[in-house]
Amino acid sequence: MTRHDLSVKSLRSSLATRRDARTKRRSLERQLASYTSESDRLELDAILSRHSTEETSELRSIINRQAMDRLIHA
């Protein structure tokens, strides 16, 4: 294989990885959006509080964005 072939292969692999990550994040966002009631959100917060900030930062980011979206559209 030439260097160019390896670069194209690496790019395709990188794009596939990013596409997979986006798909997983959208699925996670849909799942978290189902926690709509106050008690649901309190339960989710209790679960997340058992884990480190590093472990929950992506989840908290999604949850906070969704909460802001709900406030804006309410």
C-alpha atoms as a PDB file:
ATOM      1  CA  MET A   1       0.000   0.000   0.000  1.00  0.00           C
ATOM      2  CA  THR A   2       1.138   3.493  -0.723  1.00  0.00           C
ATOM      3  CA  ARG A   3       1.224   6.290   1.789  1.00  0.00           C
ATOM      4  CA  HIS A   4      -1.772   7.881   0.072  1.00  0.00           C
ATOM      5  CA  ASP A   5      -3.780   4.651   0.403  1.00  0.00           C
ATOM      6  CA  LEU A   6      -2.997   4.529   4.117  1.00  0.00           C
ATOM      7  CA  SER A   7      -4.079   8.158   4.526  1.00  0.00           C
ATOM      8  CA  VAL A   8      -7.394   7.496   2.779  1.00  0.00           C
ATOM      9  CA  LYS A   9      -7.929   4.358   4.838  1.00  0.00           C
ATOM     10  CA  SER A  10      -7.120   6.263   8.034  1.00  0.00           C
ATOM     11  CA  LEU A  11      -9.514   9.072   7.067  1.00  0.00           C
ATOM     12  CA  ARG A  12     -12.323   6.614   6.323  1.00  0.00           C
ATOM     13  CA  SER A  13     -11.731   4.888   9.633  1.00  0.00           C
ATOM     14  CA  SER A  14     -11.756   8.207  11.464  1.00  0.00           C
ATOM     15  CA  LEU A  15     -14.981   9.293   9.773  1.00  0.00           C
ATOM     16  CA  ALA A  16     -16.640   5.961  10.581  1.00  0.00           C
ATOM     17  CA  THR A  17     -15.603   6.293  14.217  1.00  0.00           C
ATOM     18  CA  ARG A  18     -16.997   9.825  14.415  1.00  0.00           C
ATOM     19  CA  ARG A  19     -20.245   8.766  12.720  1.00  0.00           C
ATOM     20  CA  ASP A  20     -20.626   5.910  15.213  1.00  0.00           C
ATOM     21  CA  ALA A  21     -19.976   8.275  18.133  1.00  0.00           C
ATOM     22  CA  ARG A  22     -22.638  10.704  16.826  1.00  0.00           C
ATOM     23  CA  THR A  23     -25.151   7.875  16.481  1.00  0.00           C
ATOM     24  CA  LYS A  24     -24.473   6.715  20.040  1.00  0.00           C
ATOM     25  CA  ARG A  25     -24.741  10.270  21.384  1.00  0.00           C
ATOM     26  CA  ARG A  26     -28.098  10.831  19.653  1.00  0.00           C
ATOM     27  CA  SER A  27     -29.383   7.590  21.144  1.00  0.00           C
ATOM     28  CA  LEU A  28     -28.185   8.685  24.579  1.00  0.00           C
ATOM     29  CA  GLU A  29     -29.848  12.082  24.115  1.00  0.00           C
ATOM     30  CA  ARG A  30     -33.161  10.387  23.244  1.00  0.00           C
ATOM     31  CA  GLN A  31     -32.912   8.125  26.282  1.00  0.00           C
ATOM     32  CA  LEU A  32     -32.148  11.034  28.618  1.00  0.00           C
ATOM     33  CA  ALA A  33     -34.964  13.097  27.109  1.00  0.00           C
ATOM     34  CA  SER A  34     -37.407  10.481  28.366  1.00  0.00           C
ATOM     35  CA  TYR A  35     -36.662  11.618  31.944  1.00  0.00           C
ATOM     36  CA  THR A  36     -39.245  14.376  31.892  1.00  0.00           C
ATOM     37  CA  SER A  37     -40.807  14.572  35.331  1.00  0.00           C
ATOM     38  CA  GLU A  38     -39.178  16.217  38.322  1.00  0.00           C
ATOM     39  CA  SER A  39     -38.978  12.868  40.133  1.00  0.00           C
ATOM     40  CA  ASP A  40     -37.330  11.273  37.078  1.00  0.00           C
ATOM     41  CA  ARG A  41     -34.710  14.008  36.996  1.00  0.00           C
ATOM     42  CA  LEU A  42     -34.088  13.761  40.756  1.00  0.00           C
ATOM     43  CA  GLU A  43     -33.617  10.000  40.443  1.00  0.00           C
ATOM     44  CA  LEU A  44     -31.213  10.477  37.539  1.00  0.00           C
ATOM     45  CA  ASP A  45     -29.289  13.102  39.499  1.00  0.00           C
ATOM     46  CA  ALA A  46     -29.033  10.710  42.464  1.00  0.00           C
ATOM     47  CA  ILE A  47     -27.637   8.019  40.182  1.00  0.00           C
ATOM     48  CA  LEU A  48     -25.119  10.390  38.616  1.00  0.00           C
ATOM     49  CA  SER A  49     -24.012  11.717  42.002  1.00  0.00           C
ATOM     50  CA  ARG A  50     -22.572   8.272  42.799  1.00  0.00           C
ATOM     51  CA  HIS A  51     -20.014   8.714  40.023  1.00  0.00           C
ATOM     52  CA  SER A  52     -17.147  11.097  39.402  1.00  0.00           C
ATOM     53  CA  THR A  53     -17.422  14.308  37.432  1.00  0.00           C
ATOM     54  CA  GLU A  54     -15.209  12.822  34.727  1.00  0.00           C
ATOM     55  CA  GLU A  55     -17.526   9.834  34.348  1.00  0.00           C
ATOM     56  CA  THR A  56     -20.704  11.914  34.182  1.00  0.00           C
ATOM     57  CA  SER A  57     -19.631  15.092  32.403  1.00  0.00           C
ATOM     58  CA  GLU A  58     -21.092  14.117  29.025  1.00  0.00           C
ATOM     59  CA  LEU A  59     -24.369  13.019  30.595  1.00  0.00           C
ATOM     60  CA  ARG A  60     -24.645  16.174  32.685  1.00  0.00           C
ATOM     61  CA  SER A  61     -23.903  18.296  29.628  1.00  0.00           C
ATOM     62  CA  ILE A  62     -26.736  16.660  27.697  1.00  0.00           C
ATOM     63  CA  ILE A  63     -29.124  16.882  30.661  1.00  0.00           C
ATOM     64  CA  ASN A  64     -28.340  20.571  31.244  1.00  0.00           C
ATOM     65  CA  ARG A  65     -28.806  21.412  27.562  1.00  0.00           C
ATOM     66  CA  GLN A  66     -32.126  19.575  27.496  1.00  0.00           C
ATOM     67  CA  ALA A  67     -33.252  21.404  30.642  1.00  0.00           C
ATOM     68  CA  MET A  68     -32.402  24.744  29.040  1.00  0.00           C
ATOM     69  CA  ASP A  69     -34.278  23.747  25.890  1.00  0.00           C
ATOM     70  CA  ARG A  70     -37.338  22.881  27.997  1.00  0.00           C
ATOM     71  CA  LEU A  71     -37.169  26.274  29.756  1.00  0.00           C
ATOM     72  CA  ILE A  72     -36.835  28.157  26.490  1.00  0.00           C
ATOM     73  CA  HIS A  73     -39.738  26.318  24.867  1.00  0.00           C
ATOM     74  CA  ALA A  74     -42.032  26.409  27.904  1.00  0.00           C
END
